[in-house]
Amino acid sequence: MNFIFIVLISTLITIFAGTQVIISNSINIPHFSSPTVSKSSVLNIQNNQTLSVEKKEIDWQLFENNFHGYKLKHYNDVSLKNTRGGDILIERPNSIYILISQKSISKNYDLTKTIESDIFTKTNNKSFLLLNNISPISIGLVTAQTFSSQENNELISYYYIPQKNNKYLLIKNKTPLSREEEYLRSEDIIFSIELTP
């Protein structure tokens, strides 16, 4: 019965998120590609389109990672950096820190077992406190999984987005406890992620 309930809730969330994606895709947003990841040139595009969020006008840019197969929207006031191995770090000092990497699922594992193993490994760290256990969540048109913790006076959420060929995107969203309002801005970025073919 619980499984049917989870599938039903996941389906409803996915339909809602899909509708939001269709609406957001109809808005003209400037496009930014990482030259390191997608082997394209970087163009400085002035953003003439603004979106209203909580009565503030925010400029958005679009980033596409062709190598790892996803795109996202981000605020103009954050920096995007390529790190070793093609990971992407989105940050604004002392407020937003989002690390996106692509991982492979180990042999004889599935995504849930991978997450359980990650949590078990983290419990060896005395500063780790599990706040929310593994739960399904819709990101773009995909049902992902997430859990959150408190580690070293920071609120951290982990998102696992399944991809093709036994791969997944691992997203680490880290916010200082003193800056909880920035957590919502980080989530705006994470929930804009769409997998690309």
Protein backbone atom coordinates (compact mmCIF):
# COMPACT_ATOMS: atom_id res chain seq x y z
CA MET A 1 0.00 0.00 0.00
CA ASN A 2 2.84 2.40 0.85
CA PHE A 3 4.47 1.69 -2.50
CA ILE A 4 1.27 2.59 -4.39
CA PHE A 5 0.94 5.78 -2.36
CA ILE A 6 4.56 6.77 -3.12
CA VAL A 7 4.09 6.03 -6.84
CA LEU A 8 0.87 8.08 -6.89
CA ILE A 9 2.48 11.06 -5.11
CA SER A 10 5.58 10.84 -7.34
CA THR A 11 3.39 10.81 -10.45
CA LEU A 12 1.43 13.87 -9.30
CA ILE A 13 4.62 15.74 -8.44
CA THR A 14 6.14 14.80 -11.81
CA ILE A 15 3.06 16.06 -13.69
CA PHE A 16 3.13 19.33 -11.75
CA ALA A 17 6.88 19.77 -12.32
CA GLY A 18 6.47 18.97 -16.02
CA THR A 19 3.86 21.69 -16.34
CA GLN A 20 6.21 24.14 -14.64
CA VAL A 21 9.04 23.15 -17.01
CA ILE A 22 6.84 23.70 -20.06
CA ILE A 23 5.84 27.14 -18.76
CA SER A 24 9.44 28.10 -17.91
CA ASN A 25 10.73 26.87 -21.28
CA SER A 26 8.38 29.25 -23.05
CA ILE A 27 10.26 32.21 -21.54
CA ASN A 28 13.25 33.48 -23.54
CA ILE A 29 16.30 33.06 -21.30
CA PRO A 30 19.89 33.78 -22.40
CA HIS A 31 21.99 30.68 -22.93
CA PHE A 32 25.41 30.08 -21.40
CA SER A 33 27.48 27.00 -22.12
CA SER A 34 30.63 25.99 -20.32
CA PRO A 35 33.55 25.95 -22.77
CA THR A 36 35.39 23.32 -20.73
CA VAL A 37 32.46 20.95 -20.54
CA SER A 38 30.59 21.51 -23.80
CA LYS A 39 33.54 22.62 -25.95
CA SER A 40 31.75 25.74 -27.09
CA SER A 41 32.56 29.40 -26.80
CA VAL A 42 31.35 31.61 -23.97
CA LEU A 43 29.27 34.57 -25.04
CA ASN A 44 28.49 37.45 -22.73
CA ILE A 45 24.80 37.89 -23.38
CA GLN A 46 22.91 40.77 -21.83
CA ASN A 47 19.72 39.56 -20.24
CA ASN A 48 16.75 41.63 -21.31
CA GLN A 49 14.27 39.15 -19.84
CA THR A 50 13.59 39.36 -16.11
CA LEU A 51 11.46 37.10 -13.96
CA SER A 52 9.65 38.30 -10.89
CA VAL A 53 10.33 36.21 -7.78
CA GLU A 54 8.95 37.39 -4.44
CA LYS A 55 8.52 40.94 -5.82
CA LYS A 56 12.20 41.14 -6.80
CA GLU A 57 13.41 41.30 -10.36
CA ILE A 58 16.04 38.65 -10.94
CA ASP A 59 18.12 38.09 -14.04
CA TRP A 60 18.48 34.44 -15.01
CA GLN A 61 21.04 32.73 -17.19
CA LEU A 62 20.88 29.26 -18.71
CA PHE A 63 23.81 26.87 -18.31
CA GLU A 64 24.05 23.66 -20.30
CA ASN A 65 26.45 20.83 -19.52
CA ASN A 66 26.45 18.76 -22.71
CA PHE A 67 29.02 16.28 -21.39
CA HIS A 68 26.99 15.26 -18.33
CA GLY A 69 23.63 15.79 -20.04
CA TYR A 70 21.74 18.49 -18.14
CA LYS A 71 20.87 22.16 -18.18
CA LEU A 72 19.80 24.58 -15.45
CA LYS A 73 18.89 28.19 -14.80
CA HIS A 74 20.84 30.25 -12.29
CA TYR A 75 20.85 33.74 -10.83
CA ASN A 76 23.20 36.31 -12.34
CA ASP A 77 24.81 36.97 -8.97
CA VAL A 78 26.30 33.48 -8.53
CA SER A 79 29.54 32.19 -10.02
CA LEU A 80 29.76 28.97 -12.01
CA LYS A 81 33.06 27.09 -11.97
CA ASN A 82 34.24 23.91 -13.63
CA THR A 83 36.09 21.73 -11.15
CA ARG A 84 38.20 18.64 -11.68
CA GLY A 85 36.42 15.83 -13.49
CA GLY A 86 33.73 18.03 -15.01
CA ASP A 87 31.97 18.81 -11.74
CA ILE A 88 30.21 22.17 -11.62
CA LEU A 89 30.31 24.43 -8.56
CA ILE A 90 27.68 27.15 -8.28
CA GLU A 91 28.33 29.53 -5.43
CA ARG A 92 28.04 32.89 -3.83
CA PRO A 93 30.42 33.21 -0.86
CA ASN A 94 28.89 32.47 2.57
CA SER A 95 25.47 31.85 1.08
CA ILE A 96 25.00 29.51 -1.92
CA TYR A 97 27.08 26.39 -2.55
CA ILE A 98 25.83 23.78 -5.02
CA LEU A 99 28.16 21.06 -6.28
CA ILE A 100 26.92 18.95 -9.22
CA SER A 101 28.81 15.83 -10.24
CA GLN A 102 28.05 12.76 -12.28
CA LYS A 103 28.59 9.34 -10.71
CA SER A 104 28.15 5.72 -11.74
CA ILE A 105 26.09 3.21 -9.78
CA SER A 106 28.28 0.37 -8.49
CA LYS A 107 27.78 -3.14 -9.80
CA ASN A 108 24.98 -5.03 -7.99
CA TYR A 109 23.61 -1.74 -6.62
CA ASP A 110 20.64 0.40 -7.53
CA LEU A 111 20.22 4.10 -6.77
CA THR A 112 18.48 3.54 -3.42
CA LYS A 113 21.18 1.14 -2.25
CA THR A 114 23.81 3.70 -3.35
CA ILE A 115 22.15 6.41 -1.25
CA GLU A 116 21.84 4.10 1.77
CA SER A 117 25.55 3.31 1.45
CA ASP A 118 26.38 7.04 1.29
CA ILE A 119 24.34 7.73 4.43
CA PHE A 120 25.97 4.82 6.26
CA THR A 121 29.44 6.17 5.34
CA LYS A 122 28.50 9.67 6.56
CA THR A 123 27.29 8.34 9.94
CA ASN A 124 30.94 7.64 10.80
CA ASN A 125 31.42 11.41 10.98
CA LYS A 126 30.42 12.58 14.48
CA SER A 127 29.16 15.92 13.14
CA PHE A 128 26.65 14.18 10.83
CA LEU A 129 22.99 14.38 11.86
CA LEU A 130 20.39 12.94 9.49
CA LEU A 131 17.44 15.36 9.37
CA ASN A 132 15.26 13.84 6.61
CA ASN A 133 15.61 10.28 5.40
CA ILE A 134 15.52 9.20 1.74
CA SER A 135 12.42 10.44 -0.06
CA PRO A 136 11.34 10.77 -3.71
CA ILE A 137 11.21 14.22 -5.28
CA SER A 138 10.47 15.49 -8.77
CA ILE A 139 13.18 17.48 -10.54
CA GLY A 140 12.28 18.38 -14.08
CA LEU A 141 10.52 15.37 -15.56
CA VAL A 142 12.48 12.87 -13.45
CA THR A 143 11.74 11.35 -10.07
CA ALA A 144 14.91 11.85 -8.05
CA GLN A 145 15.70 10.97 -4.43
CA THR A 146 16.91 13.21 -1.65
CA PHE A 147 17.92 13.32 1.99
CA SER A 148 19.11 16.15 4.20
CA SER A 149 21.49 16.46 7.10
CA GLN A 150 23.22 18.87 9.40
CA GLU A 151 27.00 18.73 9.23
CA ASN A 152 29.47 21.16 10.82
CA ASN A 153 26.82 23.88 11.41
CA GLU A 154 25.61 23.64 7.82
CA LEU A 155 22.32 22.44 6.39
CA ILE A 156 23.08 20.03 3.53
CA SER A 157 20.67 18.41 1.10
CA TYR A 158 21.76 15.68 -1.28
CA TYR A 159 19.87 15.04 -4.51
CA TYR A 160 20.31 11.92 -6.65
CA ILE A 161 18.95 12.26 -10.20
CA PRO A 162 18.97 9.03 -12.23
CA GLN A 163 20.37 9.13 -15.77
CA LYS A 164 20.92 6.63 -18.56
CA ASN A 165 23.63 3.96 -18.58
CA ASN A 166 23.71 3.38 -14.81
CA LYS A 167 24.77 6.98 -14.10
CA TYR A 168 23.27 9.64 -11.85
CA LEU A 169 23.77 13.30 -10.99
CA LEU A 170 24.74 13.90 -7.38
CA ILE A 171 23.90 17.40 -6.16
CA LYS A 172 25.14 18.71 -2.83
CA ASN A 173 23.38 21.85 -1.63
CA LYS A 174 25.17 23.34 1.37
CA THR A 175 23.89 26.36 3.32
CA PRO A 176 25.25 27.84 6.58
CA LEU A 177 22.68 27.52 9.38
CA SER A 178 22.90 31.28 9.86
CA ARG A 179 21.81 31.84 6.23
CA GLU A 180 18.75 29.59 5.91
CA GLU A 181 16.98 32.08 3.63
CA GLU A 182 19.60 31.33 0.96
CA TYR A 183 18.52 27.69 0.98
CA LEU A 184 15.38 28.62 -0.98
CA ARG A 185 17.43 30.43 -3.63
CA SER A 186 19.62 27.34 -3.96
CA GLU A 187 16.54 25.19 -4.43
CA ASP A 188 15.32 27.48 -7.24
CA ILE A 189 18.50 26.57 -9.12
CA ILE A 190 18.30 22.84 -8.34
CA PHE A 191 14.64 22.53 -9.32
CA SER A 192 15.37 24.18 -12.68
CA ILE A 193 17.57 21.22 -13.71
CA GLU A 194 16.46 19.30 -16.79
CA LEU A 195 18.19 16.26 -18.25
CA THR A 196 19.12 16.61 -21.90
CA PRO A 197 19.38 13.80 -24.49
